[in-house]
Each structure stands twice: as structure tokens, then as C-alpha cells.
Protein backbone atom coordinates (compact mmCIF):
# COMPACT_ATOMS: atom_id res chain seq x y z
CA UNK A 1 3.78 -8.04 -30.70
CA UNK A 2 6.07 -8.02 -27.68
CA UNK A 3 4.60 -8.21 -24.19
CA UNK A 4 4.29 -4.91 -22.26
CA UNK A 5 7.27 -4.08 -20.08
CA UNK A 6 6.77 -5.11 -16.49
CA UNK A 7 6.21 -2.32 -13.99
CA UNK A 8 9.28 -2.04 -11.75
CA UNK A 9 8.28 -1.91 -8.08
CA UNK A 10 10.18 -0.65 -5.09
CA UNK A 11 8.49 -1.87 -1.90
CA UNK A 12 9.12 -0.08 1.40
CA UNK A 13 8.28 -2.01 4.57
CA UNK A 14 9.06 -1.77 8.26
CA UNK A 15 7.44 -4.96 9.57
CA UNK A 16 6.70 -8.58 8.78
CA UNK A 17 5.81 -7.94 5.15
CA UNK A 18 2.54 -9.83 4.72
CA UNK A 19 1.35 -7.38 2.04
CA UNK A 20 4.76 -7.67 0.42
CA UNK A 21 4.30 -11.44 0.30
CA UNK A 22 0.92 -11.05 -1.39
CA UNK A 23 2.55 -8.87 -4.06
CA UNK A 24 5.46 -11.31 -4.46
CA UNK A 25 2.98 -14.15 -4.98
CA UNK A 26 0.89 -12.24 -7.52
CA UNK A 27 3.98 -11.21 -9.48
CA UNK A 28 5.08 -14.85 -9.52
CA UNK A 29 1.76 -16.23 -10.77
CA UNK A 30 1.36 -13.52 -13.42
CA UNK A 31 -1.70 -11.86 -11.88
CA UNK A 32 0.08 -8.53 -12.10
CA UNK A 33 2.43 -7.41 -14.85
CA UNK A 34 5.10 -6.19 -12.46
CA UNK A 35 8.36 -7.20 -10.83
CA UNK A 36 9.73 -6.17 -7.46
CA UNK A 37 13.24 -4.86 -8.09
CA UNK A 38 13.95 -3.65 -4.55
CA UNK A 39 12.61 -4.17 -1.04
CA UNK A 40 13.81 -1.49 1.35
CA UNK A 41 13.35 -1.36 5.11
CA UNK A 42 14.30 1.09 7.81
CA UNK A 43 14.25 -1.63 10.51
CA UNK A 44 17.13 -4.08 10.96
CA UNK A 45 15.85 -7.65 10.95
CA UNK A 46 12.44 -6.76 9.52
CA UNK A 47 10.54 -9.80 8.30
CA UNK A 48 9.98 -8.10 4.96
CA UNK A 49 13.70 -8.30 4.23
CA UNK A 50 13.70 -12.04 4.91
CA UNK A 51 10.70 -12.57 2.63
CA UNK A 52 12.45 -10.67 -0.16
CA UNK A 53 15.70 -12.57 0.25
CA UNK A 54 13.85 -15.89 0.12
CA UNK A 55 12.26 -14.77 -3.15
CA UNK A 56 15.59 -13.69 -4.63
CA UNK A 57 14.71 -10.00 -4.58
CA UNK A 58 17.33 -7.30 -3.97
CA UNK A 59 17.09 -5.68 -0.53
CA UNK A 60 18.36 -2.55 1.16
CA UNK A 61 18.46 -1.60 4.83
CA UNK A 62 18.51 2.14 5.51
CA UNK A 63 18.12 2.65 9.25
CA UNK A 64 16.53 6.03 9.91
CA UNK A 65 18.29 6.18 13.27
CA UNK A 66 21.60 6.55 11.43
CA UNK A 67 20.61 9.94 10.00
CA UNK A 68 20.65 13.33 11.64
CA UNK A 69 17.30 14.37 10.20
CA UNK A 70 14.37 13.17 8.14
CA UNK A 71 15.51 14.97 5.00
CA UNK A 72 18.81 13.10 4.90
CA UNK A 73 17.07 9.77 5.45
CA UNK A 74 14.52 10.44 2.71
CA UNK A 75 17.30 11.50 0.34
CA UNK A 76 19.06 8.17 0.91
CA UNK A 77 15.86 6.22 0.29
CA UNK A 78 15.08 8.16 -2.89
CA UNK A 79 18.62 7.57 -4.15
CA UNK A 80 18.29 3.80 -3.58
CA UNK A 81 14.95 3.69 -5.40
CA UNK A 82 16.23 5.74 -8.32
CA UNK A 83 19.36 3.60 -8.57
CA UNK A 84 17.07 0.58 -8.96
CA UNK A 85 15.08 2.38 -11.73
CA UNK A 86 11.83 1.99 -9.81
CA UNK A 87 8.62 2.97 -11.65
CA UNK A 88 6.24 2.72 -8.68
CA UNK A 89 6.93 3.04 -4.95
CA UNK A 90 4.75 0.73 -2.89
CA UNK A 91 4.43 1.40 0.84
CA UNK A 92 3.64 -1.85 2.65
CA UNK A 93 3.63 -1.11 6.35
CA UNK A 94 6.37 1.50 6.07
CA UNK A 95 6.22 3.32 9.40
CA UNK A 96 7.75 6.60 8.29
CA UNK A 97 6.06 9.75 7.03
CA UNK A 98 6.86 10.60 3.42
CA UNK A 99 8.23 14.12 2.92
CA UNK A 100 7.39 16.53 0.10
CA UNK A 101 10.83 16.16 -1.59
CA UNK A 102 10.33 12.36 -1.57
CA UNK A 103 6.91 12.77 -3.20
CA UNK A 104 8.34 15.22 -5.74
CA UNK A 105 10.89 12.60 -6.79
CA UNK A 106 8.07 10.17 -7.66
CA UNK A 107 5.02 12.31 -8.55
CA UNK A 108 1.81 10.27 -8.56
CA UNK A 109 3.99 7.17 -8.35
CA UNK A 110 3.77 6.37 -4.62
CA UNK A 111 0.91 4.26 -3.26
CA UNK A 112 -0.04 3.13 0.22
CA UNK A 113 -2.52 0.75 1.84
CA UNK A 114 -4.44 1.80 4.94
CA UNK A 115 -6.55 -0.53 7.12
CA UNK A 116 -9.68 1.65 7.19
CA UNK A 117 -12.21 3.13 4.80
CA UNK A 118 -10.64 6.50 4.16
CA UNK A 119 -11.29 9.33 4.63
CA UNK A 120 -12.59 7.88 7.92
CA UNK A 121 -10.02 6.94 10.56
CA UNK A 122 -6.65 8.03 9.15
CA UNK A 123 -3.47 7.52 11.15
CA UNK A 124 -2.79 4.74 13.66
CA UNK A 125 -4.88 2.33 15.77
CA UNK A 126 -7.72 2.57 13.29
CA UNK A 127 -9.56 -0.63 14.20
CA UNK A 128 -9.68 0.51 17.81
CA UNK A 129 -11.08 3.86 16.67
CA UNK A 130 -13.72 2.18 14.49
CA UNK A 131 -14.85 -0.08 17.32
CA UNK A 132 -14.97 2.78 19.82
CA UNK A 133 -17.00 4.85 17.34
CA UNK A 134 -19.56 2.09 16.95
CA UNK A 135 -19.02 1.84 13.19
CA UNK A 136 -20.86 -0.95 11.38
CA UNK A 137 -18.29 -1.25 8.60
CA UNK A 138 -14.54 -0.99 8.30
CA UNK A 139 -12.18 -2.14 5.59
CA UNK A 140 -9.06 -1.05 3.73
CA UNK A 141 -8.02 1.52 1.15
CA UNK A 142 -5.26 1.77 -1.44
CA UNK A 143 -4.48 5.39 -2.25
CA UNK A 144 -1.90 7.60 -3.88
CA UNK A 145 0.38 9.35 -1.41
CA UNK A 146 0.28 13.12 -1.13
CA UNK A 147 1.61 15.51 1.50
CA UNK A 148 -0.98 14.63 4.15
CA UNK A 149 -1.52 11.63 6.43
CA UNK A 150 -3.63 9.10 4.50
CA UNK A 151 -5.21 11.88 2.45
CA UNK A 152 -4.25 11.01 -1.14
CA UNK A 153 -6.68 10.12 -3.94
CA UNK A 154 -8.34 6.74 -3.42
CA UNK A 155 -7.74 3.93 -5.93
CA UNK A 156 -9.62 0.94 -4.49
CA UNK A 157 -11.37 -0.04 -1.27
CA UNK A 158 -12.72 -3.21 0.32
CA UNK A 159 -15.50 -3.16 2.90
CA UNK A 160 -15.50 -5.45 5.94
CA UNK A 161 -18.51 -5.59 8.30
CA UNK A 162 -17.84 -5.11 11.99
CA UNK A 163 -19.34 -7.96 13.98
CA UNK A 164 -20.72 -7.67 17.49
CA UNK A 165 -18.07 -10.03 18.81
CA UNK A 166 -15.16 -8.27 17.08
CA UNK A 167 -12.16 -6.92 18.93
CA UNK A 168 -9.12 -5.19 17.45
CA UNK A 169 -7.36 -8.47 16.67
CA UNK A 170 -10.28 -10.21 14.95
CA UNK A 171 -11.25 -7.16 12.91
CA UNK A 172 -7.64 -6.53 11.89
CA UNK A 173 -7.25 -10.14 10.76
CA UNK A 174 -10.33 -10.01 8.52
CA UNK A 175 -9.27 -6.68 7.04
CA UNK A 176 -5.77 -8.02 6.33
CA UNK A 177 -7.26 -10.75 4.12
CA UNK A 178 -8.80 -8.02 1.97
CA UNK A 179 -5.59 -5.98 1.94
CA UNK A 180 -3.86 -8.93 0.31
CA UNK A 181 -6.52 -8.92 -2.41
CA UNK A 182 -6.82 -5.24 -3.27
CA UNK A 183 -3.17 -4.13 -3.12
CA UNK A 184 -2.06 -6.36 -6.01
CA UNK A 185 -5.19 -5.32 -7.89
CA UNK A 186 -4.32 -1.63 -7.53
CA UNK A 187 -0.82 -2.32 -8.83
CA UNK A 188 -2.22 -4.14 -11.85
CA UNK A 189 -4.55 -1.23 -12.65
CA UNK A 190 -1.49 1.03 -12.65
CA UNK A 191 0.48 -1.44 -14.77
CA UNK A 192 -2.39 -1.40 -17.28
CA UNK A 193 -2.33 2.43 -17.33
CA UNK A 194 -6.04 2.54 -16.49
CA UNK A 195 -5.91 5.21 -13.79
CA UNK A 196 -6.31 8.96 -14.20
CA UNK A 197 -6.27 11.39 -11.27
CA UNK A 198 -8.78 14.25 -11.50
CA UNK A 199 -8.51 16.38 -8.38
CA UNK A 200 -9.54 14.14 -5.49
CA UNK A 201 -10.96 11.41 -7.74
CA UNK A 202 -9.19 8.51 -9.39
CA UNK A 203 -10.90 7.59 -12.65
CA UNK A 204 -10.55 3.95 -13.72
CA UNK A 205 -10.99 3.13 -17.39
CA UNK A 206 -13.46 0.29 -18.07
CA UNK A 207 -14.12 -0.15 -14.36
CA UNK A 208 -17.76 -1.15 -14.80
CA UNK A 209 -20.62 -0.07 -12.57
CA UNK A 210 -20.93 -1.00 -8.92
CA UNK A 211 -24.55 -0.67 -7.79
CA UNK A 212 -24.74 -3.11 -4.89
CA UNK A 213 -25.76 -1.88 -1.45
CA UNK A 214 -24.40 -3.31 1.81
CA UNK A 215 -26.33 -3.01 5.04
CA UNK A 216 -25.10 -4.17 8.46
CA UNK A 217 -27.08 -5.66 10.14
CA UNK A 218 -28.94 -6.95 7.11
CA UNK A 219 -32.46 -5.78 6.36
């Protein structure tokens, strides 16, 4: 029996690309049955483009400032992804809102990672918000992208306790470690066709039962 076809990924990134690197590494070691066929950035000189080039992955630069409006920019990005025959669009620090026509071009095939436990603290500066709110836990979330801001159905989350001595930088660093773990895992679940969206819920086949309880500070 032949091996399953690898999931073709198009990764969109605006920054250094640390989550991209985690995905590159997991594709290389066989942890996920996927291959990155295109890395696209809207920022000239973005570190993500350098990481992709070093890994021998095709890249594209589409500077949003070169377009008269968001619709034209999104159309160019969609065209590049479709030309690369992308199965799954992976947002890895892509600092642009995704429009409805973009989502319609890849229905239930766009995922994002957010450095908070959604639905709490969507948007930007989320570690600062969590600290100011006095939260005891933070973390990260991989979710499908819909028409809202960080509102799509949740695939996987990791919980990170907030320590008394934490500031934005230290909390962000500990969350980033978990991002690098759960984003490749979410991609593999999709590659294995184990996910089913039912309204707001993502059902995972053979996911097992999680019954542990976390308390911070401990009892």
C-alpha cells in the first residue's frame, strides 16, 4: 500500500518565522505528514523568508503596500497559494486580517495560532492583557479561521501558568515554547483527517479523554 499523500502547506508569515521553523523541522523529521510548498510574506526582508530559503522552500513576497486596497492584496495572495496547489493555509504570525473572499477560497482550510487561551484575550498584546487582568493561566490556541478576529473553532490548546514574577517577555517566551509543540500537532491531525467541525466545536477522532485538573497556585 502506498503512503498517504503529504498535505501541501502554504505558510503565511510577517515576522521572524519561529513557528514556521518548528513546522519545517517537524516536516523534516517525519512527525507530520506534510510538506511546505510555499512560504509567503507581506514584509520585505522578513526572517520567515530567510528560513524558508535556507530550507529550500519556495517563497513569495507580496507587499500589501503595493496594492490599492485589501481586496486586491488578498486576491494576489490567494492566486499565489492556488498556483502552488496548497491544501492547507497556515498563518504563522501573519499580521494581516483575512477577508471573507480569502476564506471562501479555502473553506475550513485556513488555520491560525494565537498566544492566548481563546476565547479569552483575542487580538493583540494578549500577554499584557492577561497580566493586567490578574489571570492565573495563559497559553496558546490553534484554531480554524473564520470571518472574525480569533473567533474560529478551536483545534488544540496548551495551558501555561502565569507566575508571580512574570512580565510580558517572560510569559511570551514560555508560551512560544508551547506554540512550537501544538501547531505541528494540529497540522498532523488535519493530515490524518481526524477533525470534524460541528458548529463551534472541533471533534477529534480517537482523541482520548483528558480528565486532569490544573490549579494555580497548587492546592
